[in-house]
Amino acid sequence: MAKHDGNQKKAPLQKILEKSMKDKIQKDLIESMKSGSKNDVEILRFIMSLIKKEEKDKNKDFSNSEVIQVLKKAIKRNQDAFEQFSKAGRNDLAEKEQMEIKIISRYLPDELSTSEIEKLVQVIISEVNAKDQKDIGKVMAVIKQNHADSVDMGLASKLVKTILSAD
């Protein structure tokens, strides 16, 4: 009976830990509202709405990892908009996008450096015994499954293709 009680305590603890990313964003939103930081409030509300929309679409509460993926999508969208506004000479809108990227980035874990990603790719290629470009999918699946939160997947993909096409 004692084991059963222990398991019941672990499940809620796990759920609390998983919700910590959304809770942190929500807490920061409230603090920003209290301090009167309109830009932060606007951006944090936007982030929370993106997360809630994605959760509703998939009909489940997101884990921290899934929240991070939503945030990465938002940053990618902002980076694309930043580039477009910069090219069009709309520096005011480009600066706004840059500010949004900066605020959203606060909630992302530190990404590995290019050299660390390159080492990781080399190790995974060896582990899955990848030989040529046909094995790119296997390598990328392992990277995504185990390291998606801390790796720039676009860079990892380029490195995998480069390494496997050189062999």
Foldseek 3Di string as FASTA:
>chain_A
DVVVVVVVVVVVVQVVQFCVLVVVLVVVLVVCVVVVVVLSVVLSVVLNVQQVVVCVVVVHHGGLVVSLVSLVVLLVVLVVVLVVCVVVVVVVSNVSSVVSNVSSCVSADAADDLVVLLVVLVVLCVVVVPAAPVCLVVSLVVCCVPPVRRYPSVSSSVSNNVVRHVD
